[in-house]
Amino acid sequence: MKNADYSEDKCEKILKFYMLSNKLKNVIRTGWKYWAVEGERVESIAEHVFGTLMLAVSIYAHSDKYEDLNIERVALMLALHETEEILIGDITMFDYDSVKTKKENGRKAVEKLFEDSETDKFLKIIDEFESGKTKEAKFAYMCDKLEADLQAYIYRNNFNMDKVNPTCLADDRIKTMRKAGLDRPDKFFLASDKPKFDGAFLDIANYLEKLEEDK
Protein backbone atom coordinates (compact mmCIF):
# COMPACT_ATOMS: atom_id res chain seq x y z
CA MET A 1 0.00 0.00 0.00
CA LYS A 2 1.35 3.43 -0.96
CA ASN A 3 2.33 5.68 1.90
CA ALA A 4 -0.11 8.54 2.40
CA ASP A 5 1.07 11.98 1.23
CA TYR A 6 -0.96 13.65 3.97
CA SER A 7 -1.30 12.55 7.56
CA GLU A 8 -4.77 12.24 9.08
CA ASP A 9 -4.00 15.33 11.16
CA LYS A 10 -3.22 17.35 8.03
CA CYS A 11 -6.32 16.04 6.25
CA GLU A 12 -8.39 17.10 9.25
CA LYS A 13 -6.94 20.64 9.11
CA ILE A 14 -7.58 20.90 5.37
CA LEU A 15 -11.20 19.82 5.74
CA LYS A 16 -11.71 22.06 8.76
CA PHE A 17 -10.81 25.18 6.76
CA TYR A 18 -12.82 24.01 3.77
CA MET A 19 -15.92 23.37 5.88
CA LEU A 20 -15.65 26.79 7.51
CA SER A 21 -15.21 28.49 4.14
CA ASN A 22 -18.15 26.53 2.74
CA LYS A 23 -20.45 28.44 5.09
CA LEU A 24 -19.98 31.55 2.94
CA LYS A 25 -22.08 29.87 0.24
CA ASN A 26 -25.14 30.40 2.42
CA VAL A 27 -24.43 33.88 3.80
CA ILE A 28 -26.21 36.61 1.84
CA ARG A 29 -24.24 39.80 1.25
CA THR A 30 -25.45 42.24 3.91
CA GLY A 31 -25.47 45.20 1.56
CA TRP A 32 -28.18 43.69 -0.60
CA LYS A 33 -30.34 43.27 2.50
CA TYR A 34 -29.87 46.94 3.37
CA TRP A 35 -30.82 47.96 -0.16
CA ALA A 36 -33.85 45.64 -0.20
CA VAL A 37 -32.99 43.60 -3.27
CA GLU A 38 -35.99 41.50 -4.26
CA GLY A 39 -35.88 38.19 -6.10
CA GLU A 40 -35.91 34.44 -5.70
CA ARG A 41 -32.32 34.47 -4.47
CA VAL A 42 -29.71 37.08 -3.66
CA GLU A 43 -25.94 36.87 -3.97
CA SER A 44 -23.97 35.12 -1.24
CA ILE A 45 -20.49 36.09 -0.07
CA ALA A 46 -19.06 33.04 -1.84
CA GLU A 47 -20.68 34.15 -5.10
CA HIS A 48 -19.13 37.59 -4.71
CA VAL A 49 -15.71 35.95 -4.30
CA PHE A 50 -16.36 33.91 -7.46
CA GLY A 51 -17.41 37.07 -9.28
CA THR A 52 -14.21 38.92 -8.37
CA LEU A 53 -12.13 35.99 -9.63
CA MET A 54 -13.96 35.80 -12.96
CA LEU A 55 -13.73 39.57 -13.38
CA ALA A 56 -9.98 39.46 -12.73
CA VAL A 57 -9.54 36.71 -15.33
CA SER A 58 -11.64 38.59 -17.90
CA ILE A 59 -9.84 41.92 -17.49
CA TYR A 60 -6.43 40.24 -17.49
CA ALA A 61 -7.31 38.33 -20.67
CA HIS A 62 -8.49 41.42 -22.56
CA SER A 63 -5.75 43.92 -21.73
CA ASP A 64 -2.04 43.91 -22.51
CA LYS A 65 -1.54 46.60 -19.87
CA TYR A 66 -1.38 43.92 -17.18
CA GLU A 67 1.08 41.54 -18.85
CA ASP A 68 3.55 41.88 -15.97
CA LEU A 69 0.86 41.21 -13.37
CA ASN A 70 1.14 38.06 -11.25
CA ILE A 71 -2.43 36.93 -11.90
CA GLU A 72 -1.99 33.83 -9.71
CA ARG A 73 -1.19 36.09 -6.76
CA VAL A 74 -4.21 38.25 -7.57
CA ALA A 75 -6.40 35.14 -7.66
CA LEU A 76 -5.15 34.03 -4.26
CA MET A 77 -5.85 37.47 -2.80
CA LEU A 78 -9.38 37.44 -4.15
CA ALA A 79 -10.00 33.88 -3.01
CA LEU A 80 -9.04 34.93 0.53
CA HIS A 81 -10.17 38.56 0.72
CA GLU A 82 -13.48 37.78 2.44
CA THR A 83 -12.09 35.04 4.68
CA GLU A 84 -12.56 37.09 7.85
CA GLU A 85 -16.30 37.16 7.22
CA ILE A 86 -16.50 33.49 8.11
CA LEU A 87 -16.17 34.59 11.74
CA ILE A 88 -17.11 38.30 11.91
CA GLY A 89 -19.83 38.42 9.25
CA ASP A 90 -20.31 40.85 6.37
CA ILE A 91 -19.86 44.42 7.64
CA THR A 92 -20.98 47.30 5.41
CA MET A 93 -20.21 51.01 5.52
CA PHE A 94 -23.57 51.50 7.24
CA ASP A 95 -22.60 49.32 10.22
CA TYR A 96 -21.00 52.34 11.84
CA ASP A 97 -20.05 50.81 15.20
CA SER A 98 -18.71 47.61 13.65
CA VAL A 99 -16.72 49.48 10.99
CA LYS A 100 -14.63 51.09 13.73
CA THR A 101 -13.33 47.71 14.92
CA LYS A 102 -13.55 45.80 11.61
CA LYS A 103 -9.84 45.93 10.83
CA GLU A 104 -8.78 44.74 14.28
CA ASN A 105 -11.44 42.05 14.53
CA GLY A 106 -10.83 40.98 10.94
CA ARG A 107 -7.16 40.44 11.66
CA LYS A 108 -7.96 38.34 14.73
CA ALA A 109 -10.41 36.32 12.65
CA VAL A 110 -7.95 35.42 9.89
CA GLU A 111 -5.27 34.58 12.45
CA LYS A 112 -7.75 32.21 14.08
CA LEU A 113 -8.74 30.67 10.75
CA PHE A 114 -5.16 30.07 9.69
CA GLU A 115 -3.79 29.02 13.07
CA ASP A 116 -3.45 25.43 11.81
CA SER A 117 -1.38 26.47 8.77
CA GLU A 118 2.29 25.56 8.77
CA THR A 119 3.32 28.92 7.31
CA ASP A 120 2.05 32.49 7.46
CA LYS A 121 1.90 32.82 3.66
CA PHE A 122 -1.85 33.30 3.64
CA LEU A 123 -1.69 36.03 6.27
CA LYS A 124 0.96 37.76 4.16
CA ILE A 125 -1.31 37.58 1.12
CA ILE A 126 -4.21 39.11 3.06
CA ASP A 127 -1.92 41.80 4.50
CA GLU A 128 -0.70 42.62 1.00
CA PHE A 129 -4.29 42.98 -0.21
CA GLU A 130 -5.22 45.17 2.75
CA SER A 131 -2.17 47.42 2.32
CA GLY A 132 -3.00 48.07 -1.34
CA LYS A 133 0.58 48.94 -2.24
CA THR A 134 1.61 46.32 -4.82
CA LYS A 135 0.23 46.27 -8.37
CA GLU A 136 -1.42 42.92 -7.59
CA ALA A 137 -3.12 44.32 -4.49
CA LYS A 138 -4.36 47.38 -6.37
CA PHE A 139 -5.71 45.21 -9.19
CA ALA A 140 -7.43 42.87 -6.73
CA TYR A 141 -8.92 45.81 -4.79
CA MET A 142 -10.41 47.30 -7.96
CA CYS A 143 -11.81 43.88 -8.90
CA ASP A 144 -13.51 43.73 -5.50
CA LYS A 145 -15.08 47.16 -5.92
CA LEU A 146 -16.06 46.86 -9.57
CA GLU A 147 -17.62 43.43 -9.05
CA ALA A 148 -19.98 44.95 -6.46
CA ASP A 149 -20.82 47.77 -8.88
CA LEU A 150 -21.58 45.27 -11.63
CA GLN A 151 -23.74 43.17 -9.32
CA ALA A 152 -25.63 46.31 -8.30
CA TYR A 153 -26.18 47.01 -12.01
CA ILE A 154 -27.54 43.47 -12.45
CA TYR A 155 -29.95 44.17 -9.58
CA ARG A 156 -30.94 47.61 -10.93
CA ASN A 157 -34.56 46.53 -11.46
CA ASN A 158 -34.77 44.59 -8.20
CA PHE A 159 -34.26 47.37 -5.69
CA ASN A 160 -37.36 48.31 -3.71
CA MET A 161 -36.72 51.90 -2.62
CA ASP A 162 -39.77 51.82 -0.35
CA LYS A 163 -38.17 49.05 1.71
CA VAL A 164 -34.57 50.29 1.77
CA ASN A 165 -33.09 50.42 5.27
CA PRO A 166 -33.47 54.04 6.50
CA THR A 167 -29.84 53.98 7.62
CA CYS A 168 -28.76 53.93 3.97
CA LEU A 169 -30.82 56.92 2.93
CA ALA A 170 -29.83 58.88 6.06
CA ASP A 171 -26.14 58.55 5.26
CA ASP A 172 -24.60 61.89 4.22
CA ARG A 173 -22.81 60.30 1.27
CA ILE A 174 -26.06 58.92 -0.11
CA LYS A 175 -27.88 62.20 0.51
CA THR A 176 -25.25 64.05 -1.52
CA MET A 177 -25.59 61.65 -4.43
CA ARG A 178 -29.38 61.86 -4.40
CA LYS A 179 -29.20 65.66 -4.46
CA ALA A 180 -26.95 65.30 -7.51
CA GLY A 181 -29.77 63.45 -9.27
CA LEU A 182 -28.78 59.82 -8.73
CA ASP A 183 -31.91 57.81 -8.04
CA ARG A 184 -30.90 54.14 -7.67
CA PRO A 185 -28.47 52.12 -5.54
CA ASP A 186 -26.53 50.86 -8.57
CA LYS A 187 -25.80 54.47 -9.48
CA PHE A 188 -24.77 55.19 -5.89
CA PHE A 189 -22.36 52.25 -5.98
CA LEU A 190 -20.70 53.30 -9.21
CA ALA A 191 -20.45 56.99 -8.32
CA SER A 192 -18.84 56.09 -5.00
CA ASP A 193 -16.29 53.69 -6.48
CA LYS A 194 -15.43 55.35 -9.79
CA PRO A 195 -12.79 57.70 -8.26
CA LYS A 196 -10.94 54.59 -7.02
CA PHE A 197 -10.48 53.17 -10.53
CA ASP A 198 -7.88 53.54 -13.25
CA GLY A 199 -6.95 51.75 -16.46
CA ALA A 200 -9.38 49.09 -17.64
CA PHE A 201 -11.46 49.48 -14.49
CA LEU A 202 -12.16 53.15 -15.20
CA ASP A 203 -12.96 52.34 -18.83
CA ILE A 204 -15.48 49.72 -17.73
CA ALA A 205 -17.04 52.11 -15.21
CA ASN A 206 -17.42 54.76 -17.92
CA TYR A 207 -18.94 52.17 -20.26
CA LEU A 208 -21.40 51.14 -17.56
CA GLU A 209 -22.47 54.77 -17.14
CA LYS A 210 -22.92 55.08 -20.91
CA LEU A 211 -25.18 52.01 -20.92
CA GLU A 212 -27.46 53.85 -18.50
CA GLU A 213 -27.39 57.06 -20.55
CA ASP A 214 -28.27 55.21 -23.77
CA LYS A 215 -31.44 53.70 -22.27
C-alpha atoms as a PDB file:
ATOM      1  CA  MET A   1       0.000   0.000   0.000  1.00  0.00           C
ATOM      2  CA  LYS A   2       1.346   3.431  -0.963  1.00  0.00           C
ATOM      3  CA  ASN A   3       2.327   5.682   1.900  1.00  0.00           C
ATOM      4  CA  ALA A   4      -0.107   8.536   2.401  1.00  0.00           C
ATOM      5  CA  ASP A   5       1.069  11.979   1.231  1.00  0.00           C
ATOM      6  CA  TYR A   6      -0.961  13.647   3.973  1.00  0.00           C
ATOM      7  CA  SER A   7      -1.304  12.552   7.565  1.00  0.00           C
ATOM      8  CA  GLU A   8      -4.773  12.237   9.078  1.00  0.00           C
ATOM      9  CA  ASP A   9      -4.001  15.332  11.160  1.00  0.00           C
ATOM     10  CA  LYS A  10      -3.224  17.350   8.027  1.00  0.00           C
ATOM     11  CA  CYS A  11      -6.315  16.039   6.252  1.00  0.00           C
ATOM     12  CA  GLU A  12      -8.392  17.104   9.245  1.00  0.00           C
ATOM     13  CA  LYS A  13      -6.943  20.637   9.106  1.00  0.00           C
ATOM     14  CA  ILE A  14      -7.583  20.896   5.374  1.00  0.00           C
ATOM     15  CA  LEU A  15     -11.200  19.820   5.737  1.00  0.00           C
ATOM     16  CA  LYS A  16     -11.712  22.064   8.757  1.00  0.00           C
ATOM     17  CA  PHE A  17     -10.806  25.180   6.762  1.00  0.00           C
ATOM     18  CA  TYR A  18     -12.821  24.007   3.770  1.00  0.00           C
ATOM     19  CA  MET A  19     -15.919  23.370   5.881  1.00  0.00           C
ATOM     20  CA  LEU A  20     -15.648  26.788   7.514  1.00  0.00           C
ATOM     21  CA  SER A  21     -15.213  28.492   4.139  1.00  0.00           C
ATOM     22  CA  ASN A  22     -18.146  26.529   2.745  1.00  0.00           C
ATOM     23  CA  LYS A  23     -20.448  28.444   5.094  1.00  0.00           C
ATOM     24  CA  LEU A  24     -19.980  31.547   2.941  1.00  0.00           C
ATOM     25  CA  LYS A  25     -22.077  29.875   0.242  1.00  0.00           C
ATOM     26  CA  ASN A  26     -25.142  30.401   2.419  1.00  0.00           C
ATOM     27  CA  VAL A  27     -24.429  33.881   3.803  1.00  0.00           C
ATOM     28  CA  ILE A  28     -26.213  36.608   1.837  1.00  0.00           C
ATOM     29  CA  ARG A  29     -24.243  39.804   1.252  1.00  0.00           C
ATOM     30  CA  THR A  30     -25.450  42.239   3.909  1.00  0.00           C
ATOM     31  CA  GLY A  31     -25.470  45.202   1.557  1.00  0.00           C
ATOM     32  CA  TRP A  32     -28.181  43.694  -0.596  1.00  0.00           C
ATOM     33  CA  LYS A  33     -30.340  43.267   2.503  1.00  0.00           C
ATOM     34  CA  TYR A  34     -29.867  46.942   3.369  1.00  0.00           C
ATOM     35  CA  TRP A  35     -30.819  47.957  -0.161  1.00  0.00           C
ATOM     36  CA  ALA A  36     -33.847  45.638  -0.196  1.00  0.00           C
ATOM     37  CA  VAL A  37     -32.986  43.596  -3.270  1.00  0.00           C
ATOM     38  CA  GLU A  38     -35.993  41.499  -4.257  1.00  0.00           C
ATOM     39  CA  GLY A  39     -35.878  38.189  -6.102  1.00  0.00           C
ATOM     40  CA  GLU A  40     -35.912  34.436  -5.697  1.00  0.00           C
ATOM     41  CA  ARG A  41     -32.320  34.470  -4.475  1.00  0.00           C
ATOM     42  CA  VAL A  42     -29.711  37.079  -3.660  1.00  0.00           C
ATOM     43  CA  GLU A  43     -25.940  36.873  -3.974  1.00  0.00           C
ATOM     44  CA  SER A  44     -23.971  35.118  -1.235  1.00  0.00           C
ATOM     45  CA  ILE A  45     -20.493  36.095  -0.066  1.00  0.00           C
ATOM     46  CA  ALA A  46     -19.064  33.044  -1.841  1.00  0.00           C
ATOM     47  CA  GLU A  47     -20.683  34.150  -5.095  1.00  0.00           C
ATOM     48  CA  HIS A  48     -19.133  37.587  -4.705  1.00  0.00           C
ATOM     49  CA  VAL A  49     -15.714  35.954  -4.305  1.00  0.00           C
ATOM     50  CA  PHE A  50     -16.356  33.912  -7.459  1.00  0.00           C
ATOM     51  CA  GLY A  51     -17.413  37.070  -9.278  1.00  0.00           C
ATOM     52  CA  THR A  52     -14.207  38.915  -8.372  1.00  0.00           C
ATOM     53  CA  LEU A  53     -12.133  35.992  -9.631  1.00  0.00           C
ATOM     54  CA  MET A  54     -13.962  35.804 -12.965  1.00  0.00           C
ATOM     55  CA  LEU A  55     -13.731  39.574 -13.378  1.00  0.00           C
ATOM     56  CA  ALA A  56      -9.976  39.456 -12.730  1.00  0.00           C
ATOM     57  CA  VAL A  57      -9.544  36.712 -15.327  1.00  0.00           C
ATOM     58  CA  SER A  58     -11.637  38.594 -17.895  1.00  0.00           C
ATOM     59  CA  ILE A  59      -9.838  41.916 -17.489  1.00  0.00           C
ATOM     60  CA  TYR A  60      -6.431  40.238 -17.495  1.00  0.00           C
ATOM     61  CA  ALA A  61      -7.307  38.331 -20.665  1.00  0.00           C
ATOM     62  CA  HIS A  62      -8.485  41.416 -22.561  1.00  0.00           C
ATOM     63  CA  SER A  63      -5.750  43.921 -21.727  1.00  0.00           C
ATOM     64  CA  ASP A  64      -2.039  43.906 -22.510  1.00  0.00           C
ATOM     65  CA  LYS A  65      -1.537  46.603 -19.870  1.00  0.00           C
ATOM     66  CA  TYR A  66      -1.383  43.925 -17.184  1.00  0.00           C
ATOM     67  CA  GLU A  67       1.081  41.543 -18.851  1.00  0.00           C
ATOM     68  CA  ASP A  68       3.551  41.878 -15.967  1.00  0.00           C
ATOM     69  CA  LEU A  69       0.860  41.208 -13.374  1.00  0.00           C
ATOM     70  CA  ASN A  70       1.141  38.065 -11.254  1.00  0.00           C
ATOM     71  CA  ILE A  71      -2.431  36.925 -11.899  1.00  0.00           C
ATOM     72  CA  GLU A  72      -1.991  33.833  -9.707  1.00  0.00           C
ATOM     73  CA  ARG A  73      -1.191  36.093  -6.758  1.00  0.00           C
ATOM     74  CA  VAL A  74      -4.206  38.255  -7.569  1.00  0.00           C
ATOM     75  CA  ALA A  75      -6.401  35.142  -7.663  1.00  0.00           C
ATOM     76  CA  LEU A  76      -5.149  34.032  -4.259  1.00  0.00           C
ATOM     77  CA  MET A  77      -5.847  37.473  -2.800  1.00  0.00           C
ATOM     78  CA  LEU A  78      -9.382  37.444  -4.154  1.00  0.00           C
ATOM     79  CA  ALA A  79     -10.002  33.879  -3.008  1.00  0.00           C
ATOM     80  CA  LEU A  80      -9.037  34.928   0.530  1.00  0.00           C
ATOM     81  CA  HIS A  81     -10.167  38.558   0.722  1.00  0.00           C
ATOM     82  CA  GLU A  82     -13.485  37.778   2.437  1.00  0.00           C
ATOM     83  CA  THR A  83     -12.089  35.043   4.683  1.00  0.00           C
ATOM     84  CA  GLU A  84     -12.555  37.094   7.850  1.00  0.00           C
ATOM     85  CA  GLU A  85     -16.302  37.162   7.218  1.00  0.00           C
ATOM     86  CA  ILE A  86     -16.500  33.487   8.111  1.00  0.00           C
ATOM     87  CA  LEU A  87     -16.168  34.593  11.737  1.00  0.00           C
ATOM     88  CA  ILE A  88     -17.107  38.301  11.907  1.00  0.00           C
ATOM     89  CA  GLY A  89     -19.826  38.418   9.255  1.00  0.00           C
ATOM     90  CA  ASP A  90     -20.315  40.847   6.370  1.00  0.00           C
ATOM     91  CA  ILE A  91     -19.861  44.419   7.640  1.00  0.00           C
ATOM     92  CA  THR A  92     -20.984  47.299   5.411  1.00  0.00           C
ATOM     93  CA  MET A  93     -20.207  51.007   5.521  1.00  0.00           C
ATOM     94  CA  PHE A  94     -23.565  51.496   7.244  1.00  0.00           C
ATOM     95  CA  ASP A  95     -22.604  49.315  10.221  1.00  0.00           C
ATOM     96  CA  TYR A  96     -21.002  52.339  11.841  1.00  0.00           C
ATOM     97  CA  ASP A  97     -20.052  50.809  15.195  1.00  0.00           C
ATOM     98  CA  SER A  98     -18.708  47.610  13.645  1.00  0.00           C
ATOM     99  CA  VAL A  99     -16.719  49.485  10.992  1.00  0.00           C
ATOM    100  CA  LYS A 100     -14.627  51.089  13.735  1.00  0.00           C
ATOM    101  CA  THR A 101     -13.332  47.713  14.916  1.00  0.00           C
ATOM    102  CA  LYS A 102     -13.551  45.795  11.609  1.00  0.00           C
ATOM    103  CA  LYS A 103      -9.839  45.933  10.834  1.00  0.00           C
ATOM    104  CA  GLU A 104      -8.778  44.743  14.279  1.00  0.00           C
ATOM    105  CA  ASN A 105     -11.440  42.047  14.527  1.00  0.00           C
ATOM    106  CA  GLY A 106     -10.832  40.975  10.943  1.00  0.00           C
ATOM    107  CA  ARG A 107      -7.160  40.436  11.662  1.00  0.00           C
ATOM    108  CA  LYS A 108      -7.956  38.339  14.729  1.00  0.00           C
ATOM    109  CA  ALA A 109     -10.412  36.320  12.649  1.00  0.00           C
ATOM    110  CA  VAL A 110      -7.947  35.415   9.892  1.00  0.00           C
ATOM    111  CA  GLU A 111      -5.273  34.579  12.455  1.00  0.00           C
ATOM    112  CA  LYS A 112      -7.754  32.212  14.084  1.00  0.00           C
ATOM    113  CA  LEU A 113      -8.740  30.667  10.747  1.00  0.00           C
ATOM    114  CA  PHE A 114      -5.157  30.067   9.689  1.00  0.00           C
ATOM    115  CA  GLU A 115      -3.792  29.015  13.067  1.00  0.00           C
ATOM    116  CA  ASP A 116      -3.448  25.431  11.807  1.00  0.00           C
ATOM    117  CA  SER A 117      -1.380  26.469   8.774  1.00  0.00           C
ATOM    118  CA  GLU A 118       2.287  25.556   8.771  1.00  0.00           C
ATOM    119  CA  THR A 119       3.321  28.920   7.313  1.00  0.00           C
ATOM    120  CA  ASP A 120       2.049  32.491   7.460  1.00  0.00           C
ATOM    121  CA  LYS A 121       1.904  32.816   3.664  1.00  0.00           C
ATOM    122  CA  PHE A 122      -1.854  33.303   3.637  1.00  0.00           C
ATOM    123  CA  LEU A 123      -1.693  36.028   6.269  1.00  0.00           C
ATOM    124  CA  LYS A 124       0.958  37.759   4.163  1.00  0.00           C
ATOM    125  CA  ILE A 125      -1.312  37.576   1.119  1.00  0.00           C
ATOM    126  CA  ILE A 126      -4.205  39.108   3.063  1.00  0.00           C
ATOM    127  CA  ASP A 127      -1.922  41.801   4.500  1.00  0.00           C
ATOM    128  CA  GLU A 128      -0.695  42.619   0.998  1.00  0.00           C
ATOM    129  CA  PHE A 129      -4.286  42.977  -0.206  1.00  0.00           C
ATOM    130  CA  GLU A 130      -5.216  45.172   2.745  1.00  0.00           C
ATOM    131  CA  SER A 131      -2.171  47.424   2.322  1.00  0.00           C
ATOM    132  CA  GLY A 132      -2.996  48.074  -1.336  1.00  0.00           C
ATOM    133  CA  LYS A 133       0.584  48.938  -2.240  1.00  0.00           C
ATOM    134  CA  THR A 134       1.605  46.320  -4.817  1.00  0.00           C
ATOM    135  CA  LYS A 135       0.228  46.266  -8.370  1.00  0.00           C
ATOM    136  CA  GLU A 136      -1.418  42.920  -7.590  1.00  0.00           C
ATOM    137  CA  ALA A 137      -3.116  44.321  -4.492  1.00  0.00           C
ATOM    138  CA  LYS A 138      -4.358  47.381  -6.374  1.00  0.00           C
ATOM    139  CA  PHE A 139      -5.706  45.213  -9.193  1.00  0.00           C
ATOM    140  CA  ALA A 140      -7.434  42.867  -6.733  1.00  0.00           C
ATOM    141  CA  TYR A 141      -8.918  45.812  -4.795  1.00  0.00           C
ATOM    142  CA  MET A 142     -10.415  47.301  -7.956  1.00  0.00           C
ATOM    143  CA  CYS A 143     -11.811  43.881  -8.900  1.00  0.00           C
ATOM    144  CA  ASP A 144     -13.505  43.726  -5.499  1.00  0.00           C
ATOM    145  CA  LYS A 145     -15.084  47.158  -5.916  1.00  0.00           C
ATOM    146  CA  LEU A 146     -16.058  46.857  -9.574  1.00  0.00           C
ATOM    147  CA  GLU A 147     -17.625  43.430  -9.049  1.00  0.00           C
ATOM    148  CA  ALA A 148     -19.979  44.945  -6.465  1.00  0.00           C
ATOM    149  CA  ASP A 149     -20.817  47.767  -8.878  1.00  0.00           C
ATOM    150  CA  LEU A 150     -21.579  45.269 -11.628  1.00  0.00           C
ATOM    151  CA  GLN A 151     -23.742  43.174  -9.317  1.00  0.00           C
ATOM    152  CA  ALA A 152     -25.634  46.312  -8.302  1.00  0.00           C
ATOM    153  CA  TYR A 153     -26.176  47.006 -12.011  1.00  0.00           C
ATOM    154  CA  ILE A 154     -27.540  43.470 -12.453  1.00  0.00           C
ATOM    155  CA  TYR A 155     -29.952  44.174  -9.577  1.00  0.00           C
ATOM    156  CA  ARG A 156     -30.943  47.607 -10.925  1.00  0.00           C
ATOM    157  CA  ASN A 157     -34.561  46.529 -11.464  1.00  0.00           C
ATOM    158  CA  ASN A 158     -34.774  44.585  -8.199  1.00  0.00           C
ATOM    159  CA  PHE A 159     -34.258  47.374  -5.690  1.00  0.00           C
ATOM    160  CA  ASN A 160     -37.360  48.312  -3.708  1.00  0.00           C
ATOM    161  CA  MET A 161     -36.719  51.901  -2.617  1.00  0.00           C
ATOM    162  CA  ASP A 162     -39.774  51.818  -0.346  1.00  0.00           C
ATOM    163  CA  LYS A 163     -38.166  49.050   1.710  1.00  0.00           C
ATOM    164  CA  VAL A 164     -34.566  50.291   1.773  1.00  0.00           C
ATOM    165  CA  ASN A 165     -33.089  50.417   5.267  1.00  0.00           C
ATOM    166  CA  PRO A 166     -33.474  54.036   6.497  1.00  0.00           C
ATOM    167  CA  THR A 167     -29.838  53.981   7.624  1.00  0.00           C
ATOM    168  CA  CYS A 168     -28.761  53.933   3.975  1.00  0.00           C
ATOM    169  CA  LEU A 169     -30.822  56.924   2.930  1.00  0.00           C
ATOM    170  CA  ALA A 170     -29.834  58.875   6.061  1.00  0.00           C
ATOM    171  CA  ASP A 171     -26.139  58.550   5.257  1.00  0.00           C
ATOM    172  CA  ASP A 172     -24.603  61.889   4.221  1.00  0.00           C
ATOM    173  CA  ARG A 173     -22.808  60.299   1.272  1.00  0.00           C
ATOM    174  CA  ILE A 174     -26.057  58.921  -0.114  1.00  0.00           C
ATOM    175  CA  LYS A 175     -27.881  62.200   0.509  1.00  0.00           C
ATOM    176  CA  THR A 176     -25.253  64.050  -1.518  1.00  0.00           C
ATOM    177  CA  MET A 177     -25.587  61.646  -4.433  1.00  0.00           C
ATOM    178  CA  ARG A 178     -29.379  61.857  -4.397  1.00  0.00           C
ATOM    179  CA  LYS A 179     -29.201  65.656  -4.460  1.00  0.00           C
ATOM    180  CA  ALA A 180     -26.948  65.300  -7.511  1.00  0.00           C
ATOM    181  CA  GLY A 181     -29.768  63.451  -9.266  1.00  0.00           C
ATOM    182  CA  LEU A 182     -28.777  59.817  -8.727  1.00  0.00           C
ATOM    183  CA  ASP A 183     -31.912  57.805  -8.044  1.00  0.00           C
ATOM    184  CA  ARG A 184     -30.904  54.136  -7.674  1.00  0.00           C
ATOM    185  CA  PRO A 185     -28.470  52.116  -5.538  1.00  0.00           C
ATOM    186  CA  ASP A 186     -26.531  50.855  -8.575  1.00  0.00           C
ATOM    187  CA  LYS A 187     -25.801  54.469  -9.485  1.00  0.00           C
ATOM    188  CA  PHE A 188     -24.771  55.186  -5.892  1.00  0.00           C
ATOM    189  CA  PHE A 189     -22.362  52.251  -5.976  1.00  0.00           C
ATOM    190  CA  LEU A 190     -20.705  53.296  -9.215  1.00  0.00           C
ATOM    191  CA  ALA A 191     -20.448  56.986  -8.324  1.00  0.00           C
ATOM    192  CA  SER A 192     -18.842  56.091  -4.996  1.00  0.00           C
ATOM    193  CA  ASP A 193     -16.291  53.688  -6.476  1.00  0.00           C
ATOM    194  CA  LYS A 194     -15.426  55.350  -9.788  1.00  0.00           C
ATOM    195  CA  PRO A 195     -12.792  57.699  -8.260  1.00  0.00           C
ATOM    196  CA  LYS A 196     -10.941  54.586  -7.015  1.00  0.00           C
ATOM    197  CA  PHE A 197     -10.483  53.168 -10.527  1.00  0.00           C
ATOM    198  CA  ASP A 198      -7.877  53.543 -13.246  1.00  0.00           C
ATOM    199  CA  GLY A 199      -6.949  51.747 -16.462  1.00  0.00           C
ATOM    200  CA  ALA A 200      -9.383  49.090 -17.641  1.00  0.00           C
ATOM    201  CA  PHE A 201     -11.462  49.480 -14.490  1.00  0.00           C
ATOM    202  CA  LEU A 202     -12.161  53.148 -15.198  1.00  0.00           C
ATOM    203  CA  ASP A 203     -12.961  52.342 -18.834  1.00  0.00           C
ATOM    204  CA  ILE A 204     -15.484  49.715 -17.725  1.00  0.00           C
ATOM    205  CA  ALA A 205     -17.036  52.113 -15.206  1.00  0.00           C
ATOM    206  CA  ASN A 206     -17.419  54.761 -17.923  1.00  0.00           C
ATOM    207  CA  TYR A 207     -18.937  52.173 -20.261  1.00  0.00           C
ATOM    208  CA  LEU A 208     -21.402  51.142 -17.559  1.00  0.00           C
ATOM    209  CA  GLU A 209     -22.474  54.766 -17.141  1.00  0.00           C
ATOM    210  CA  LYS A 210     -22.919  55.078 -20.906  1.00  0.00           C
ATOM    211  CA  LEU A 211     -25.181  52.014 -20.918  1.00  0.00           C
ATOM    212  CA  GLU A 212     -27.461  53.853 -18.501  1.00  0.00           C
ATOM    213  CA  GLU A 213     -27.393  57.060 -20.552  1.00  0.00           C
ATOM    214  CA  ASP A 214     -28.273  55.211 -23.769  1.00  0.00           C
ATOM    215  CA  LYS A 215     -31.445  53.701 -22.271  1.00  0.00           C
END
